[in-house]
Amino acid sequence: MPVFATAEELYICIGGLFERMKSQAQVQQELASLKLTVRFAYTKPEASVTLVARDGEGIIHCGECNEKPDVELAMTGDVAHHFWLGEVNVMGAITKRQIVPTGSLSKIMALTPLIKAGIQIYPQHYQKYIEKEK
């Protein structure tokens, strides 16, 4: 059974993670230096979360977004869950096509500090999500 049965569940959990990340001082500093639109495109369930970073802030769109992404990372909802838990070897997942990146490698690498921040808080964030769902 997939971790997220519906797009709405994925948006609540992963979209909520991005919203939580925005409140962290470390992430705010990183967002201030980024001029980038990144889309996380998911299958199983079909969903997308887009981060638009410009003018020192990050705007999160869950679902359809008219912003053209500079970078896209495509994966299943289950891979996303394990990715944010820090359990995915990213290079291995790219090689196996479990994560499919599109866009400039340098722009993808610019996301590293944000991804590290997300990995630090996701386990606790996911646990709170699970407790709310019970």
N, C-alpha and C. Protein backbone atom coordinates (compact mmCIF):
# COMPACT_ATOMS: atom_id res chain seq x y z
N MET A 1 0.84 -1.18 0.00
CA MET A 1 0.00 0.00 0.00
C MET A 1 0.89 1.25 0.00
N PRO A 2 0.59 2.22 -0.86
CA PRO A 2 1.45 3.41 -0.92
C PRO A 2 1.35 4.26 0.35
N VAL A 3 2.39 5.01 0.60
CA VAL A 3 2.43 5.90 1.76
C VAL A 3 1.31 6.93 1.67
N PHE A 4 1.12 7.50 0.47
CA PHE A 4 0.08 8.51 0.25
C PHE A 4 -0.94 7.92 -0.72
N ALA A 5 -2.15 7.71 -0.24
CA ALA A 5 -3.20 7.11 -1.07
C ALA A 5 -3.77 8.11 -2.07
N THR A 6 -3.74 9.39 -1.72
CA THR A 6 -4.32 10.42 -2.60
C THR A 6 -3.37 11.60 -2.72
N ALA A 7 -3.60 12.41 -3.74
CA ALA A 7 -2.81 13.63 -3.91
C ALA A 7 -3.00 14.55 -2.70
N GLU A 8 -4.21 14.60 -2.18
CA GLU A 8 -4.48 15.46 -1.02
C GLU A 8 -3.61 15.07 0.18
N GLU A 9 -3.45 13.78 0.42
CA GLU A 9 -2.58 13.33 1.51
C GLU A 9 -1.14 13.77 1.27
N LEU A 10 -0.67 13.64 0.04
CA LEU A 10 0.69 14.06 -0.29
C LEU A 10 0.83 15.57 -0.09
N TYR A 11 -0.17 16.35 -0.52
CA TYR A 11 -0.09 17.80 -0.35
C TYR A 11 -0.05 18.20 1.12
N ILE A 12 -0.87 17.54 1.93
CA ILE A 12 -0.89 17.86 3.36
C ILE A 12 0.48 17.57 3.97
N CYS A 13 1.06 16.44 3.62
CA CYS A 13 2.33 16.04 4.23
C CYS A 13 3.53 16.74 3.60
N ILE A 14 3.73 16.59 2.31
CA ILE A 14 4.93 17.16 1.68
C ILE A 14 4.78 18.65 1.45
N GLY A 15 3.60 19.09 1.03
CA GLY A 15 3.37 20.54 0.92
C GLY A 15 3.52 21.20 2.28
N GLY A 16 3.01 20.52 3.32
CA GLY A 16 3.16 21.03 4.69
C GLY A 16 4.61 21.09 5.13
N LEU A 17 5.41 20.13 4.68
CA LEU A 17 6.84 20.14 4.98
C LEU A 17 7.47 21.42 4.42
N PHE A 18 7.16 21.74 3.17
CA PHE A 18 7.73 22.94 2.55
C PHE A 18 7.30 24.19 3.31
N GLU A 19 6.05 24.25 3.73
CA GLU A 19 5.57 25.40 4.50
C GLU A 19 6.32 25.51 5.82
N ARG A 20 6.54 24.38 6.48
CA ARG A 20 7.32 24.39 7.74
C ARG A 20 8.75 24.84 7.50
N MET A 21 9.33 24.37 6.41
CA MET A 21 10.71 24.73 6.10
C MET A 21 10.86 26.24 5.94
N LYS A 22 9.86 26.88 5.33
CA LYS A 22 9.94 28.33 5.08
C LYS A 22 10.06 29.13 6.37
N SER A 23 9.62 28.59 7.49
CA SER A 23 9.67 29.33 8.75
C SER A 23 11.04 29.25 9.43
N GLN A 24 11.93 28.43 8.90
CA GLN A 24 13.26 28.28 9.50
C GLN A 24 14.22 29.35 8.99
N ALA A 25 14.99 29.94 9.90
CA ALA A 25 15.92 31.01 9.54
C ALA A 25 16.92 30.55 8.48
N GLN A 26 17.44 29.34 8.63
CA GLN A 26 18.41 28.79 7.68
C GLN A 26 17.81 28.72 6.27
N VAL A 27 16.57 28.28 6.18
CA VAL A 27 15.90 28.16 4.88
C VAL A 27 15.60 29.54 4.32
N GLN A 28 15.20 30.48 5.17
CA GLN A 28 14.93 31.83 4.70
C GLN A 28 16.18 32.45 4.08
N GLN A 29 17.34 32.20 4.68
CA GLN A 29 18.59 32.70 4.12
C GLN A 29 18.86 32.10 2.75
N GLU A 30 18.63 30.80 2.62
CA GLU A 30 18.85 30.13 1.33
C GLU A 30 17.87 30.65 0.28
N LEU A 31 16.61 30.82 0.67
CA LEU A 31 15.61 31.32 -0.28
C LEU A 31 15.97 32.72 -0.77
N ALA A 32 16.57 33.53 0.12
CA ALA A 32 16.95 34.89 -0.25
C ALA A 32 17.97 34.90 -1.39
N SER A 33 18.78 33.85 -1.48
CA SER A 33 19.82 33.81 -2.51
C SER A 33 19.38 33.08 -3.78
N LEU A 34 18.24 32.42 -3.75
CA LEU A 34 17.79 31.64 -4.90
C LEU A 34 16.87 32.44 -5.81
N LYS A 35 17.02 32.23 -7.09
CA LYS A 35 16.08 32.70 -8.10
C LYS A 35 15.80 31.48 -8.95
N LEU A 36 14.80 30.71 -8.54
CA LEU A 36 14.63 29.38 -9.10
C LEU A 36 13.20 28.91 -8.90
N THR A 37 12.69 28.19 -9.89
CA THR A 37 11.41 27.51 -9.76
C THR A 37 11.67 26.02 -9.92
N VAL A 38 11.29 25.25 -8.91
CA VAL A 38 11.50 23.80 -8.94
C VAL A 38 10.17 23.10 -8.74
N ARG A 39 9.92 22.13 -9.60
CA ARG A 39 8.70 21.34 -9.48
C ARG A 39 9.06 19.91 -9.09
N PHE A 40 8.41 19.43 -8.06
CA PHE A 40 8.50 18.03 -7.67
C PHE A 40 7.25 17.38 -8.25
N ALA A 41 7.44 16.56 -9.28
CA ALA A 41 6.32 15.91 -9.96
C ALA A 41 6.22 14.48 -9.46
N TYR A 42 5.04 14.10 -9.02
CA TYR A 42 4.85 12.80 -8.39
C TYR A 42 3.88 11.93 -9.18
N THR A 43 4.12 10.63 -9.10
CA THR A 43 3.16 9.64 -9.56
C THR A 43 2.84 8.76 -8.35
N LYS A 44 1.73 8.09 -8.43
CA LYS A 44 1.30 7.17 -7.35
C LYS A 44 1.31 7.84 -6.00
N PRO A 45 0.55 8.88 -5.77
CA PRO A 45 -0.51 9.47 -6.58
C PRO A 45 0.02 10.58 -7.50
N GLU A 46 -0.77 10.89 -8.51
CA GLU A 46 -0.45 11.99 -9.43
C GLU A 46 -0.57 13.30 -8.66
N ALA A 47 0.52 14.03 -8.57
CA ALA A 47 0.53 15.29 -7.81
C ALA A 47 1.77 16.08 -8.18
N SER A 48 1.79 17.34 -7.83
CA SER A 48 3.01 18.13 -7.98
C SER A 48 3.05 19.21 -6.91
N VAL A 49 4.26 19.49 -6.46
CA VAL A 49 4.51 20.58 -5.53
C VAL A 49 5.58 21.44 -6.17
N THR A 50 5.29 22.73 -6.31
CA THR A 50 6.21 23.65 -6.96
C THR A 50 6.66 24.71 -5.97
N LEU A 51 7.96 24.93 -5.92
CA LEU A 51 8.55 25.99 -5.11
C LEU A 51 9.02 27.08 -6.05
N VAL A 52 8.50 28.28 -5.86
CA VAL A 52 8.95 29.44 -6.62
C VAL A 52 9.75 30.32 -5.65
N ALA A 53 11.06 30.40 -5.87
CA ALA A 53 11.94 31.18 -5.01
C ALA A 53 12.42 32.40 -5.79
N ARG A 54 11.96 33.55 -5.35
CA ARG A 54 12.43 34.80 -5.97
C ARG A 54 12.13 35.95 -5.02
N ASP A 55 12.89 37.01 -5.19
CA ASP A 55 12.71 38.20 -4.36
C ASP A 55 12.77 37.88 -2.86
N GLY A 56 13.61 36.91 -2.51
CA GLY A 56 13.83 36.60 -1.10
C GLY A 56 12.76 35.78 -0.42
N GLU A 57 11.81 35.28 -1.17
CA GLU A 57 10.78 34.45 -0.53
C GLU A 57 10.49 33.22 -1.36
N GLY A 58 9.86 32.26 -0.71
CA GLY A 58 9.48 31.02 -1.39
C GLY A 58 7.98 30.87 -1.35
N ILE A 59 7.40 30.64 -2.50
CA ILE A 59 5.96 30.43 -2.60
C ILE A 59 5.75 28.97 -3.00
N ILE A 60 4.88 28.29 -2.28
CA ILE A 60 4.61 26.87 -2.50
C ILE A 60 3.27 26.72 -3.21
N HIS A 61 3.26 25.97 -4.30
CA HIS A 61 2.02 25.65 -5.02
C HIS A 61 1.84 24.14 -4.97
N CYS A 62 0.73 23.70 -4.44
CA CYS A 62 0.37 22.28 -4.46
C CYS A 62 -0.64 22.09 -5.58
N GLY A 63 -0.33 21.22 -6.52
CA GLY A 63 -1.21 21.00 -7.66
C GLY A 63 -0.71 21.79 -8.86
N GLU A 64 -1.62 22.05 -9.78
CA GLU A 64 -1.26 22.76 -11.01
C GLU A 64 -0.66 24.12 -10.69
N CYS A 65 0.35 24.49 -11.47
CA CYS A 65 1.03 25.78 -11.31
C CYS A 65 1.46 26.24 -12.69
N ASN A 66 1.20 27.50 -13.00
CA ASN A 66 1.55 28.04 -14.32
C ASN A 66 3.01 28.45 -14.44
N GLU A 67 3.74 28.43 -13.35
CA GLU A 67 5.16 28.80 -13.39
C GLU A 67 5.95 27.72 -14.13
N LYS A 68 6.79 28.15 -15.07
CA LYS A 68 7.64 27.20 -15.80
C LYS A 68 8.82 26.84 -14.90
N PRO A 69 9.00 25.55 -14.62
CA PRO A 69 10.10 25.18 -13.72
C PRO A 69 11.47 25.28 -14.39
N ASP A 70 12.45 25.73 -13.63
CA ASP A 70 13.85 25.68 -14.07
C ASP A 70 14.37 24.26 -13.90
N VAL A 71 13.84 23.59 -12.89
CA VAL A 71 14.26 22.24 -12.52
C VAL A 71 13.01 21.44 -12.18
N GLU A 72 13.01 20.17 -12.59
CA GLU A 72 11.93 19.27 -12.18
C GLU A 72 12.54 17.98 -11.68
N LEU A 73 12.01 17.49 -10.58
CA LEU A 73 12.42 16.20 -10.03
C LEU A 73 11.17 15.33 -9.99
N ALA A 74 11.15 14.27 -10.80
CA ALA A 74 9.99 13.38 -10.89
C ALA A 74 10.27 12.09 -10.14
N MET A 75 9.27 11.63 -9.39
CA MET A 75 9.41 10.40 -8.59
C MET A 75 8.03 9.97 -8.12
N THR A 76 7.95 8.77 -7.57
CA THR A 76 6.68 8.32 -6.98
C THR A 76 6.53 8.95 -5.59
N GLY A 77 5.32 8.91 -5.08
CA GLY A 77 5.09 9.39 -3.72
C GLY A 77 5.89 8.62 -2.69
N ASP A 78 6.02 7.31 -2.90
CA ASP A 78 6.81 6.49 -1.95
C ASP A 78 8.28 6.86 -1.98
N VAL A 79 8.83 7.08 -3.17
CA VAL A 79 10.24 7.50 -3.26
C VAL A 79 10.41 8.85 -2.58
N ALA A 80 9.45 9.76 -2.78
CA ALA A 80 9.52 11.08 -2.13
C ALA A 80 9.55 10.93 -0.62
N HIS A 81 8.70 10.09 -0.09
CA HIS A 81 8.65 9.86 1.36
C HIS A 81 10.02 9.39 1.87
N HIS A 82 10.59 8.40 1.22
CA HIS A 82 11.89 7.87 1.64
C HIS A 82 13.01 8.87 1.38
N PHE A 83 12.88 9.67 0.32
CA PHE A 83 13.84 10.74 0.02
C PHE A 83 13.91 11.72 1.19
N TRP A 84 12.73 12.19 1.64
CA TRP A 84 12.70 13.17 2.73
C TRP A 84 13.08 12.56 4.07
N LEU A 85 12.96 11.25 4.21
CA LEU A 85 13.46 10.58 5.42
C LEU A 85 14.98 10.45 5.39
N GLY A 86 15.60 10.74 4.24
CA GLY A 86 17.05 10.61 4.10
C GLY A 86 17.49 9.19 3.82
N GLU A 87 16.55 8.36 3.37
CA GLU A 87 16.84 6.94 3.14
C GLU A 87 17.18 6.62 1.69
N VAL A 88 17.18 7.62 0.82
CA VAL A 88 17.40 7.38 -0.61
C VAL A 88 18.81 7.82 -0.98
N ASN A 89 19.56 6.92 -1.61
CA ASN A 89 20.82 7.28 -2.23
C ASN A 89 20.44 7.97 -3.54
N VAL A 90 20.57 9.29 -3.57
CA VAL A 90 20.06 10.06 -4.71
C VAL A 90 20.71 9.65 -6.02
N MET A 91 22.02 9.49 -6.04
CA MET A 91 22.68 9.10 -7.29
C MET A 91 22.21 7.72 -7.75
N GLY A 92 22.05 6.80 -6.81
CA GLY A 92 21.53 5.47 -7.15
C GLY A 92 20.12 5.55 -7.68
N ALA A 93 19.29 6.38 -7.06
CA ALA A 93 17.89 6.53 -7.50
C ALA A 93 17.82 7.17 -8.88
N ILE A 94 18.72 8.11 -9.17
CA ILE A 94 18.76 8.71 -10.50
C ILE A 94 19.19 7.67 -11.52
N THR A 95 20.22 6.89 -11.18
CA THR A 95 20.69 5.84 -12.09
C THR A 95 19.59 4.83 -12.39
N LYS A 96 18.81 4.48 -11.37
CA LYS A 96 17.72 3.51 -11.54
C LYS A 96 16.44 4.15 -12.08
N ARG A 97 16.49 5.46 -12.32
CA ARG A 97 15.34 6.23 -12.83
C ARG A 97 14.19 6.26 -11.83
N GLN A 98 14.50 6.08 -10.54
CA GLN A 98 13.49 6.26 -9.50
C GLN A 98 13.26 7.75 -9.25
N ILE A 99 14.29 8.54 -9.48
CA ILE A 99 14.19 10.00 -9.50
C ILE A 99 14.68 10.43 -10.87
N VAL A 100 13.86 11.23 -11.55
CA VAL A 100 14.21 11.69 -12.89
C VAL A 100 14.36 13.21 -12.84
N PRO A 101 15.60 13.70 -12.89
CA PRO A 101 15.81 15.15 -12.86
C PRO A 101 15.77 15.74 -14.26
N THR A 102 15.22 16.93 -14.36
CA THR A 102 15.21 17.67 -15.61
C THR A 102 15.67 19.09 -15.29
N GLY A 103 16.61 19.60 -16.07
CA GLY A 103 17.09 20.96 -15.85
C GLY A 103 18.58 20.97 -15.58
N SER A 104 19.07 22.15 -15.31
CA SER A 104 20.49 22.39 -15.09
C SER A 104 20.99 21.70 -13.82
N LEU A 105 22.09 20.98 -13.94
CA LEU A 105 22.68 20.31 -12.78
C LEU A 105 23.08 21.33 -11.72
N SER A 106 23.60 22.49 -12.13
CA SER A 106 24.01 23.49 -11.14
C SER A 106 22.80 24.02 -10.36
N LYS A 107 21.66 24.14 -11.04
CA LYS A 107 20.45 24.59 -10.34
C LYS A 107 19.93 23.50 -9.41
N ILE A 108 20.04 22.26 -9.83
CA ILE A 108 19.64 21.16 -8.95
C ILE A 108 20.54 21.14 -7.70
N MET A 109 21.84 21.33 -7.90
CA MET A 109 22.78 21.34 -6.77
C MET A 109 22.51 22.52 -5.83
N ALA A 110 21.99 23.62 -6.36
CA ALA A 110 21.66 24.78 -5.51
C ALA A 110 20.58 24.45 -4.49
N LEU A 111 19.84 23.38 -4.74
CA LEU A 111 18.78 22.97 -3.81
C LEU A 111 19.30 22.19 -2.60
N THR A 112 20.57 21.79 -2.63
CA THR A 112 21.12 20.93 -1.59
C THR A 112 20.88 21.45 -0.17
N PRO A 113 21.14 22.73 0.13
CA PRO A 113 20.89 23.19 1.51
C PRO A 113 19.41 23.09 1.91
N LEU A 114 18.51 23.35 0.98
CA LEU A 114 17.08 23.24 1.28
C LEU A 114 16.69 21.79 1.53
N ILE A 115 17.22 20.91 0.71
CA ILE A 115 16.92 19.49 0.86
C ILE A 115 17.43 18.98 2.20
N LYS A 116 18.65 19.38 2.57
CA LYS A 116 19.20 18.96 3.86
C LYS A 116 18.33 19.46 5.01
N ALA A 117 17.84 20.68 4.91
CA ALA A 117 16.96 21.22 5.96
C ALA A 117 15.66 20.42 6.03
N GLY A 118 15.12 20.05 4.88
CA GLY A 118 13.89 19.26 4.85
C GLY A 118 14.08 17.88 5.45
N ILE A 119 15.21 17.26 5.14
CA ILE A 119 15.50 15.92 5.67
C ILE A 119 15.62 15.96 7.20
N GLN A 120 16.12 17.06 7.73
CA GLN A 120 16.26 17.17 9.19
C GLN A 120 14.90 17.20 9.89
N ILE A 121 13.90 17.83 9.28
CA ILE A 121 12.62 17.98 9.98
C ILE A 121 11.53 17.02 9.51
N TYR A 122 11.73 16.35 8.38
CA TYR A 122 10.66 15.50 7.85
C TYR A 122 10.25 14.36 8.78
N PRO A 123 11.16 13.63 9.41
CA PRO A 123 10.70 12.52 10.26
C PRO A 123 9.70 12.97 11.33
N GLN A 124 9.99 14.06 12.01
CA GLN A 124 9.08 14.58 13.03
C GLN A 124 7.80 15.10 12.38
N HIS A 125 7.94 15.79 11.26
CA HIS A 125 6.78 16.32 10.54
C HIS A 125 5.86 15.17 10.10
N TYR A 126 6.43 14.11 9.57
CA TYR A 126 5.64 12.97 9.12
C TYR A 126 4.94 12.30 10.30
N GLN A 127 5.63 12.18 11.42
CA GLN A 127 5.02 11.57 12.61
C GLN A 127 3.79 12.37 13.05
N LYS A 128 3.89 13.70 13.03
CA LYS A 128 2.74 14.54 13.40
C LYS A 128 1.61 14.34 12.40
N TYR A 129 1.95 14.21 11.12
CA TYR A 129 0.94 13.96 10.08
C TYR A 129 0.21 12.65 10.36
N ILE A 130 0.96 11.59 10.68
CA ILE A 130 0.37 10.28 10.96
C ILE A 130 -0.56 10.36 12.17
N GLU A 131 -0.12 11.05 13.21
CA GLU A 131 -0.93 11.17 14.42
C GLU A 131 -2.25 11.90 14.14
N LYS A 132 -2.22 12.90 13.27
CA LYS A 132 -3.45 13.62 12.91
C LYS A 132 -4.40 12.74 12.11
N GLU A 133 -3.84 11.84 11.32
CA GLU A 133 -4.66 10.99 10.45
C GLU A 133 -5.36 9.87 11.22
N LYS A 134 -4.88 9.54 12.41
CA LYS A 134 -5.48 8.44 13.20
C LYS A 134 -6.77 8.86 13.85
